[in-house]
PDB file of N, CA and C in Angstrom:
ATOM      1  N   MET A   1     202.643  -3.893  37.117  1.00  0.00           N
ATOM      2  CA  MET A   1     203.616  -4.482  37.658  1.00  0.00           C
ATOM      3  C   MET A   1     203.401  -5.055  39.220  1.00  0.00           C
ATOM      4  N   ALA A   2     202.330  -4.229  39.701  1.00  0.00           N
ATOM      5  CA  ALA A   2     201.874  -4.913  41.020  1.00  0.00           C
ATOM      6  C   ALA A   2     201.112  -6.252  40.999  1.00  0.00           C
ATOM      7  N   ASN A   3     200.766  -6.294  39.701  1.00  0.00           N
ATOM      8  CA  ASN A   3     199.940  -7.780  39.467  1.00  0.00           C
ATOM      9  C   ASN A   3     200.658  -9.028  39.546  1.00  0.00           C
ATOM     10  N   ILE A   4     202.138  -8.568  38.892  1.00  0.00           N
ATOM     11  CA  ILE A   4     202.908  -9.741  38.912  1.00  0.00           C
ATOM     12  C   ILE A   4     203.199 -10.166  40.215  1.00  0.00           C
ATOM     13  N   TRP A   5     203.526  -9.215  41.143  1.00  0.00           N
ATOM     14  CA  TRP A   5     203.962  -9.485  42.666  1.00  0.00           C
ATOM     15  C   TRP A   5     202.649 -10.143  43.477  1.00  0.00           C
ATOM     16  N   ASN A   6     201.402  -9.782  42.745  1.00  0.00           N
ATOM     17  CA  ASN A   6     200.435 -10.438  43.622  1.00  0.00           C
ATOM     18  C   ASN A   6     200.267 -11.885  43.157  1.00  0.00           C
ATOM     19  N   THR A   7     200.349 -12.202  41.804  1.00  0.00           N
ATOM     20  CA  THR A   7     200.507 -13.480  41.434  1.00  0.00           C
ATOM     21  C   THR A   7     201.487 -14.493  41.991  1.00  0.00           C
ATOM     22  N   GLY A   8     202.608 -13.840  42.410  1.00  0.00           N
ATOM     23  CA  GLY A   8     203.755 -14.571  43.042  1.00  0.00           C
ATOM     24  C   GLY A   8     202.998 -14.992  44.600  1.00  0.00           C
ATOM     25  N   ALA A   9     202.662 -13.782  45.192  1.00  0.00           N
ATOM     26  CA  ALA A   9     202.021 -14.052  46.561  1.00  0.00           C
ATOM     27  C   ALA A   9     201.093 -15.069  46.900  1.00  0.00           C
ATOM     28  N   ILE A  10     200.129 -15.034  45.354  1.00  0.00           N
ATOM     29  CA  ILE A  10     199.000 -16.121  45.590  1.00  0.00           C
ATOM     30  C   ILE A  10     199.821 -17.611  45.260  1.00  0.00           C
ATOM     31  N   GLY A  11     200.856 -17.617  44.297  1.00  0.00           N
ATOM     32  CA  GLY A  11     201.639 -18.909  44.286  1.00  0.00           C
ATOM     33  C   GLY A  11     202.141 -19.356  45.789  1.00  0.00           C
ATOM     34  N   LEU A  12     202.675 -18.436  46.184  1.00  0.00           N
ATOM     35  CA  LEU A  12     203.277 -18.742  47.691  1.00  0.00           C
ATOM     36  C   LEU A  12     202.290 -19.426  48.551  1.00  0.00           C
ATOM     37  N   ALA A  13     201.262 -18.792  48.447  1.00  0.00           N
ATOM     38  CA  ALA A  13     200.189 -19.200  49.454  1.00  0.00           C
ATOM     39  C   ALA A  13     199.523 -20.294  49.170  1.00  0.00           C
ATOM     40  N   VAL A  14     199.379 -20.804  47.950  1.00  0.00           N
ATOM     41  CA  VAL A  14     198.872 -22.076  47.378  1.00  0.00           C
ATOM     42  C   VAL A  14     199.990 -23.109  47.866  1.00  0.00           C
ATOM     43  N   ALA A  15     201.142 -22.783  47.669  1.00  0.00           N
ATOM     44  CA  ALA A  15     202.418 -23.468  47.824  1.00  0.00           C
ATOM     45  C   ALA A  15     202.455 -23.903  49.534  1.00  0.00           C
ATOM     46  N   TRP A  16     202.030 -23.064  50.103  1.00  0.00           N
ATOM     47  CA  TRP A  16     202.129 -23.247  51.764  1.00  0.00           C
ATOM     48  C   TRP A  16     200.953 -23.785  52.133  1.00  0.00           C
ATOM     49  N   GLN A  17     199.792 -24.045  51.272  1.00  0.00           N
ATOM     50  CA  GLN A  17     198.536 -24.822  51.519  1.00  0.00           C
ATOM     51  C   GLN A  17     197.868 -23.621  52.390  1.00  0.00           C
ATOM     52  N   ARG A  18     197.874 -22.239  52.003  1.00  0.00           N
ATOM     53  CA  ARG A  18     197.100 -21.309  52.758  1.00  0.00           C
ATOM     54  C   ARG A  18     196.166 -20.628  51.895  1.00  0.00           C
ATOM     55  N   PHE A  19     195.033 -21.809  51.458  1.00  0.00           N
ATOM     56  CA  PHE A  19     194.037 -21.303  50.251  1.00  0.00           C
ATOM     57  C   PHE A  19     193.344 -20.094  50.756  1.00  0.00           C
ATOM     58  N   GLU A  20     192.968 -19.843  52.083  1.00  0.00           N
ATOM     59  CA  GLU A  20     192.288 -18.705  52.319  1.00  0.00           C
ATOM     60  C   GLU A  20     193.067 -17.481  51.872  1.00  0.00           C
ATOM     61  N   ILE A  21     194.253 -17.301  52.058  1.00  0.00           N
ATOM     62  CA  ILE A  21     194.851 -16.166  51.806  1.00  0.00           C
ATOM     63  C   ILE A  21     195.088 -16.146  50.313  1.00  0.00           C
ATOM     64  N   ALA A  22     195.158 -16.923  49.975  1.00  0.00           N
ATOM     65  CA  ALA A  22     195.188 -16.966  47.947  1.00  0.00           C
ATOM     66  C   ALA A  22     193.906 -16.604  47.585  1.00  0.00           C
ATOM     67  N   LEU A  23     193.144 -16.957  48.253  1.00  0.00           N
ATOM     68  CA  LEU A  23     191.657 -16.556  47.732  1.00  0.00           C
ATOM     69  C   LEU A  23     191.510 -14.970  48.025  1.00  0.00           C
ATOM     70  N   VAL A  24     191.775 -14.603  49.036  1.00  0.00           N
ATOM     71  CA  VAL A  24     191.603 -13.036  49.361  1.00  0.00           C
ATOM     72  C   VAL A  24     192.467 -12.372  48.495  1.00  0.00           C
ATOM     73  N   LEU A  25     193.800 -12.682  48.300  1.00  0.00           N
ATOM     74  CA  LEU A  25     194.649 -12.045  47.429  1.00  0.00           C
ATOM     75  C   LEU A  25     194.013 -12.045  45.840  1.00  0.00           C
ATOM     76  N   SER A  26     193.412 -13.069  45.526  1.00  0.00           N
ATOM     77  CA  SER A  26     192.767 -12.881  44.178  1.00  0.00           C
ATOM     78  C   SER A  26     191.522 -11.945  43.982  1.00  0.00           C
ATOM     79  N   LEU A  27     190.799 -12.098  45.093  1.00  0.00           N
ATOM     80  CA  LEU A  27     189.634 -11.174  45.068  1.00  0.00           C
ATOM     81  C   LEU A  27     190.103  -9.970  45.041  1.00  0.00           C
ATOM     82  N   VAL A  28     191.041  -9.412  45.934  1.00  0.00           N
ATOM     83  CA  VAL A  28     191.472  -8.163  46.022  1.00  0.00           C
ATOM     84  C   VAL A  28     192.051  -7.785  44.614  1.00  0.00           C
ATOM     85  N   ASN A  29     193.055  -8.655  44.018  1.00  0.00           N
ATOM     86  CA  ASN A  29     193.318  -8.440  42.554  1.00  0.00           C
ATOM     87  C   ASN A  29     192.268  -8.223  41.710  1.00  0.00           C
ATOM     88  N   PHE A  30     191.360  -8.866  41.667  1.00  0.00           N
ATOM     89  CA  PHE A  30     190.479  -9.015  40.773  1.00  0.00           C
ATOM     90  C   PHE A  30     189.598  -7.644  40.954  1.00  0.00           C
ATOM     91  N   LEU A  31     189.264  -7.240  42.064  1.00  0.00           N
ATOM     92  CA  LEU A  31     188.446  -6.215  42.284  1.00  0.00           C
ATOM     93  C   LEU A  31     189.321  -4.668  41.916  1.00  0.00           C
ATOM     94  N   THR A  32     190.494  -4.739  42.132  1.00  0.00           N
ATOM     95  CA  THR A  32     191.387  -3.504  42.076  1.00  0.00           C
ATOM     96  C   THR A  32     191.299  -3.574  40.489  1.00  0.00           C
ATOM     97  N   LEU A  33     191.583  -4.638  39.740  1.00  0.00           N
ATOM     98  CA  LEU A  33     191.582  -4.520  37.952  1.00  0.00           C
ATOM     99  C   LEU A  33     190.398  -3.845  37.726  1.00  0.00           C
ATOM    100  N   ARG A  34     189.149  -4.496  38.331  1.00  0.00           N
ATOM    101  CA  ARG A  34     187.926  -4.218  37.487  1.00  0.00           C
ATOM    102  C   ARG A  34     187.668  -2.309  37.804  1.00  0.00           C
ATOM    103  N   ILE A  35     188.058  -2.044  38.964  1.00  0.00           N
ATOM    104  CA  ILE A  35     187.856  -0.613  39.534  1.00  0.00           C
ATOM    105  C   ILE A  35     188.827   0.263  38.542  1.00  0.00           C
ATOM    106  N   MET A  36     190.120  -0.231  38.750  1.00  0.00           N
ATOM    107  CA  MET A  36     191.083   0.797  37.961  1.00  0.00           C
ATOM    108  C   MET A  36     190.906   0.728  36.470  1.00  0.00           C
ATOM    109  N   SER A  37     190.137  -0.216  35.906  1.00  0.00           N
ATOM    110  CA  SER A  37     189.959  -0.210  34.502  1.00  0.00           C
ATOM    111  C   SER A  37     188.882   0.882  34.268  1.00  0.00           C
ATOM    112  N   GLY A  38     187.933   0.970  35.053  1.00  0.00           N
ATOM    113  CA  GLY A  38     186.878   1.910  34.947  1.00  0.00           C
ATOM    114  C   GLY A  38     187.497   3.277  35.047  1.00  0.00           C
ATOM    115  N   VAL A  39     188.511   3.748  36.133  1.00  0.00           N
ATOM    116  CA  VAL A  39     188.953   4.615  36.251  1.00  0.00           C
ATOM    117  C   VAL A  39     189.949   5.412  35.117  1.00  0.00           C
ATOM    118  N   LYS A  40     190.568   4.292  34.521  1.00  0.00           N
ATOM    119  CA  LYS A  40     191.532   4.472  33.380  1.00  0.00           C
ATOM    120  C   LYS A  40     190.711   4.967  32.257  1.00  0.00           C
ATOM    121  N   GLU A  41     189.397   4.271  32.026  1.00  0.00           N
ATOM    122  CA  GLU A  41     188.864   4.768  30.926  1.00  0.00           C
ATOM    123  C   GLU A  41     188.001   6.017  31.194  1.00  0.00           C
ATOM    124  N   ASP A  42     187.875   6.528  32.384  1.00  0.00           N
ATOM    125  CA  ASP A  42     187.366   7.767  32.448  1.00  0.00           C
ATOM    126  C   ASP A  42     188.213   8.845  32.353  1.00  0.00           C
ATOM    127  N   MET A  43     189.539   8.549  32.740  1.00  0.00           N
ATOM    128  CA  MET A  43     190.718   9.368  32.379  1.00  0.00           C
ATOM    129  C   MET A  43     190.884   9.495  30.853  1.00  0.00           C
ATOM    130  N   ASP A  44     191.021   8.625  30.188  1.00  0.00           N
ATOM    131  CA  ASP A  44     191.072   8.460  28.723  1.00  0.00           C
ATOM    132  C   ASP A  44     189.996   9.457  28.078  1.00  0.00           C
ATOM    133  N   HIS A  45     188.645   9.299  28.668  1.00  0.00           N
ATOM    134  CA  HIS A  45     187.539  10.285  27.810  1.00  0.00           C
ATOM    135  C   HIS A  45     187.774  11.819  28.496  1.00  0.00           C
ATOM    136  N   GLU A  46     188.346  11.963  29.610  1.00  0.00           N
ATOM    137  CA  GLU A  46     188.598  13.395  29.916  1.00  0.00           C
ATOM    138  C   GLU A  46     189.670  13.775  29.006  1.00  0.00           C
ATOM    139  N   LYS A  47     190.877  13.096  28.826  1.00  0.00           N
ATOM    140  CA  LYS A  47     191.769  13.591  28.046  1.00  0.00           C
ATOM    141  C   LYS A  47     191.252  13.894  26.592  1.00  0.00           C
ATOM    142  N   GLU A  48     190.742  12.776  26.138  1.00  0.00           N
ATOM    143  CA  GLU A  48     190.141  12.921  24.764  1.00  0.00           C
ATOM    144  C   GLU A  48     189.324  14.461  24.515  1.00  0.00           C
ATOM    145  N   ASN A  49     188.338  14.715  25.675  1.00  0.00           N
ATOM    146  CA  ASN A  49     187.515  15.859  25.636  1.00  0.00           C
ATOM    147  C   ASN A  49     188.386  17.080  25.730  1.00  0.00           C
ATOM    148  N   GLU A  50     189.551  17.183  26.293  1.00  0.00           N
ATOM    149  CA  GLU A  50     190.374  18.248  26.686  1.00  0.00           C
ATOM    150  C   GLU A  50     191.259  18.527  25.356  1.00  0.00           C
ATOM    151  N   GLU A  51     191.733  17.491  24.644  1.00  0.00           N
ATOM    152  CA  GLU A  51     192.365  17.657  23.454  1.00  0.00           C
ATOM    153  C   GLU A  51     191.369  18.132  22.287  1.00  0.00           C
ATOM    154  N   GLU A  52     190.062  17.695  22.241  1.00  0.00           N
ATOM    155  CA  GLU A  52     188.909  18.372  21.193  1.00  0.00           C
ATOM    156  C   GLU A  52     188.749  19.744  21.631  1.00  0.00           C
ATOM    157  N   SER A  53     188.710  20.187  22.864  1.00  0.00           N
ATOM    158  CA  SER A  53     188.433  21.596  23.386  1.00  0.00           C
ATOM    159  C   SER A  53     189.631  22.494  22.718  1.00  0.00           C
ATOM    160  N   GLU A  54     190.581  21.873  22.993  1.00  0.00           N
ATOM    161  CA  GLU A  54     191.932  22.607  22.810  1.00  0.00           C
ATOM    162  C   GLU A  54     192.130  22.845  21.221  1.00  0.00           C
ATOM    163  N   SER A  55     191.761  22.085  20.557  1.00  0.00           N
ATOM    164  CA  SER A  55     191.866  22.129  18.970  1.00  0.00           C
ATOM    165  C   SER A  55     190.813  22.741  18.352  1.00  0.00           C
ATOM    166  N   GLY A  56     189.625  23.015  19.234  1.00  0.00           N
ATOM    167  CA  GLY A  56     188.478  23.641  18.625  1.00  0.00           C
ATOM    168  C   GLY A  56     188.647  25.155  18.855  1.00  0.00           C
ATOM    169  N   GLU A  57     189.642  25.667  19.680  1.00  0.00           N
ATOM    170  CA  GLU A  57     189.561  27.213  20.042  1.00  0.00           C
ATOM    171  C   GLU A  57     190.266  27.806  18.867  1.00  0.00           C
TER     172      GLU A  57
END
């Protein structure tokens, strides 16, 4: 959901010809998505491992 707001802020910055702000927002958004996708994968793996250990008991 935050990505939608970020996209709107990027569009607003471009409309006001504040390209440096748009660039910074784009980089922050990209880095956040890259980092969070790795965190999500780690959490999914942990959940799978927990479910396997519970079913094996």
